[in-house]
């Protein structure tokens, strides 16, 4: 990921990251999904959701408020 982007969400399934990405975009927060495919099964793997550092805390708050982030 490029400099200045911060990990705010990680999921085992890509669809979970897509849901979180959609929620952030609905709140005007730019985000980007990075797929982490399994080395043995490229179609399987985790996904990480990143946002700009200055939006990271707001993104986490939005995800918590939507029951997508449990810390």
C-alpha atoms as a PDB file:
ATOM      1  CA  UNK A   1       0.000   0.000   0.000  1.00  0.00           C
ATOM      2  CA  UNK A   2       1.177   3.516  -0.679  1.00  0.00           C
ATOM      3  CA  UNK A   3       2.619   5.742   2.006  1.00  0.00           C
ATOM      4  CA  UNK A   4       0.028   7.589   4.064  1.00  0.00           C
ATOM      5  CA  UNK A   5      -2.553   4.791   3.949  1.00  0.00           C
ATOM      6  CA  UNK A   6      -3.503   2.977   7.163  1.00  0.00           C
ATOM      7  CA  UNK A   7      -5.071  -0.438   7.719  1.00  0.00           C
ATOM      8  CA  UNK A   8      -8.500  -0.008   9.337  1.00  0.00           C
ATOM      9  CA  UNK A   9     -10.187  -3.345   8.662  1.00  0.00           C
ATOM     10  CA  UNK A  10      -9.192  -6.915   7.890  1.00  0.00           C
ATOM     11  CA  UNK A  11     -11.443  -9.823   6.968  1.00  0.00           C
ATOM     12  CA  UNK A  12     -11.117 -13.494   6.148  1.00  0.00           C
ATOM     13  CA  UNK A  13     -13.576 -13.151   3.270  1.00  0.00           C
ATOM     14  CA  UNK A  14     -13.328 -10.463   0.597  1.00  0.00           C
ATOM     15  CA  UNK A  15     -17.079  -9.773   0.671  1.00  0.00           C
ATOM     16  CA  UNK A  16     -16.744  -8.611   4.308  1.00  0.00           C
ATOM     17  CA  UNK A  17     -14.146  -6.033   3.269  1.00  0.00           C
ATOM     18  CA  UNK A  18     -16.413  -4.927   0.395  1.00  0.00           C
ATOM     19  CA  UNK A  19     -19.273  -4.313   2.828  1.00  0.00           C
ATOM     20  CA  UNK A  20     -16.987  -2.247   5.069  1.00  0.00           C
ATOM     21  CA  UNK A  21     -15.671  -0.387   2.010  1.00  0.00           C
ATOM     22  CA  UNK A  22     -19.230   0.460   0.919  1.00  0.00           C
ATOM     23  CA  UNK A  23     -20.118   1.739   4.393  1.00  0.00           C
ATOM     24  CA  UNK A  24     -17.060   4.008   4.464  1.00  0.00           C
ATOM     25  CA  UNK A  25     -17.801   5.344   0.992  1.00  0.00           C
ATOM     26  CA  UNK A  26     -21.401   6.104   2.066  1.00  0.00           C
ATOM     27  CA  UNK A  27     -19.860   8.276   4.796  1.00  0.00           C
ATOM     28  CA  UNK A  28     -17.548  10.044   2.357  1.00  0.00           C
ATOM     29  CA  UNK A  29     -14.401   8.223   3.478  1.00  0.00           C
ATOM     30  CA  UNK A  30     -12.051   7.114   0.719  1.00  0.00           C
ATOM     31  CA  UNK A  31     -10.857   3.536   1.141  1.00  0.00           C
ATOM     32  CA  UNK A  32      -9.145   0.813  -0.841  1.00  0.00           C
ATOM     33  CA  UNK A  33      -9.266  -2.999  -0.594  1.00  0.00           C
ATOM     34  CA  UNK A  34      -6.063  -5.014  -0.864  1.00  0.00           C
ATOM     35  CA  UNK A  35      -6.549  -8.725  -1.463  1.00  0.00           C
ATOM     36  CA  UNK A  36      -4.226 -11.150   0.310  1.00  0.00           C
ATOM     37  CA  UNK A  37      -4.622 -14.413  -1.632  1.00  0.00           C
ATOM     38  CA  UNK A  38      -3.610 -17.742  -0.144  1.00  0.00           C
ATOM     39  CA  UNK A  39      -0.406 -19.021  -1.760  1.00  0.00           C
ATOM     40  CA  UNK A  40      -1.923 -22.463  -2.367  1.00  0.00           C
ATOM     41  CA  UNK A  41      -5.391 -21.316  -3.415  1.00  0.00           C
ATOM     42  CA  UNK A  42      -5.281 -17.864  -5.083  1.00  0.00           C
ATOM     43  CA  UNK A  43      -9.075 -17.550  -5.145  1.00  0.00           C
ATOM     44  CA  UNK A  44      -9.155 -17.875  -1.346  1.00  0.00           C
ATOM     45  CA  UNK A  45      -7.675 -15.419   1.082  1.00  0.00           C
ATOM     46  CA  UNK A  46      -8.074 -12.429   3.317  1.00  0.00           C
ATOM     47  CA  UNK A  47      -8.738  -8.826   2.357  1.00  0.00           C
ATOM     48  CA  UNK A  48      -7.539  -5.657   4.038  1.00  0.00           C
ATOM     49  CA  UNK A  49      -9.167  -2.249   3.907  1.00  0.00           C
ATOM     50  CA  UNK A  50      -7.020   0.878   3.961  1.00  0.00           C
ATOM     51  CA  UNK A  51      -7.805   4.572   4.231  1.00  0.00           C
ATOM     52  CA  UNK A  52      -5.739   7.735   4.394  1.00  0.00           C
ATOM     53  CA  UNK A  53      -4.124   8.308   7.787  1.00  0.00           C
ATOM     54  CA  UNK A  54      -6.098  11.498   8.413  1.00  0.00           C
ATOM     55  CA  UNK A  55      -9.377   9.565   8.012  1.00  0.00           C
ATOM     56  CA  UNK A  56      -8.368   6.417   9.908  1.00  0.00           C
ATOM     57  CA  UNK A  57      -9.959   7.224  13.264  1.00  0.00           C
ATOM     58  CA  UNK A  58     -13.189   8.446  11.680  1.00  0.00           C
ATOM     59  CA  UNK A  59     -13.255   5.283   9.542  1.00  0.00           C
ATOM     60  CA  UNK A  60     -12.863   3.084  12.621  1.00  0.00           C
ATOM     61  CA  UNK A  61     -15.666   4.970  14.387  1.00  0.00           C
ATOM     62  CA  UNK A  62     -17.985   4.482  11.387  1.00  0.00           C
ATOM     63  CA  UNK A  63     -17.131   0.780  11.209  1.00  0.00           C
ATOM     64  CA  UNK A  64     -17.731   0.372  14.973  1.00  0.00           C
ATOM     65  CA  UNK A  65     -21.064   2.212  14.735  1.00  0.00           C
ATOM     66  CA  UNK A  66     -22.127  -0.220  11.998  1.00  0.00           C
ATOM     67  CA  UNK A  67     -21.019  -3.284  13.978  1.00  0.00           C
ATOM     68  CA  UNK A  68     -18.318  -4.103  11.447  1.00  0.00           C
ATOM     69  CA  UNK A  69     -15.346  -3.518  13.718  1.00  0.00           C
ATOM     70  CA  UNK A  70     -14.977  -5.164  17.098  1.00  0.00           C
ATOM     71  CA  UNK A  71     -11.977  -4.191  19.164  1.00  0.00           C
END
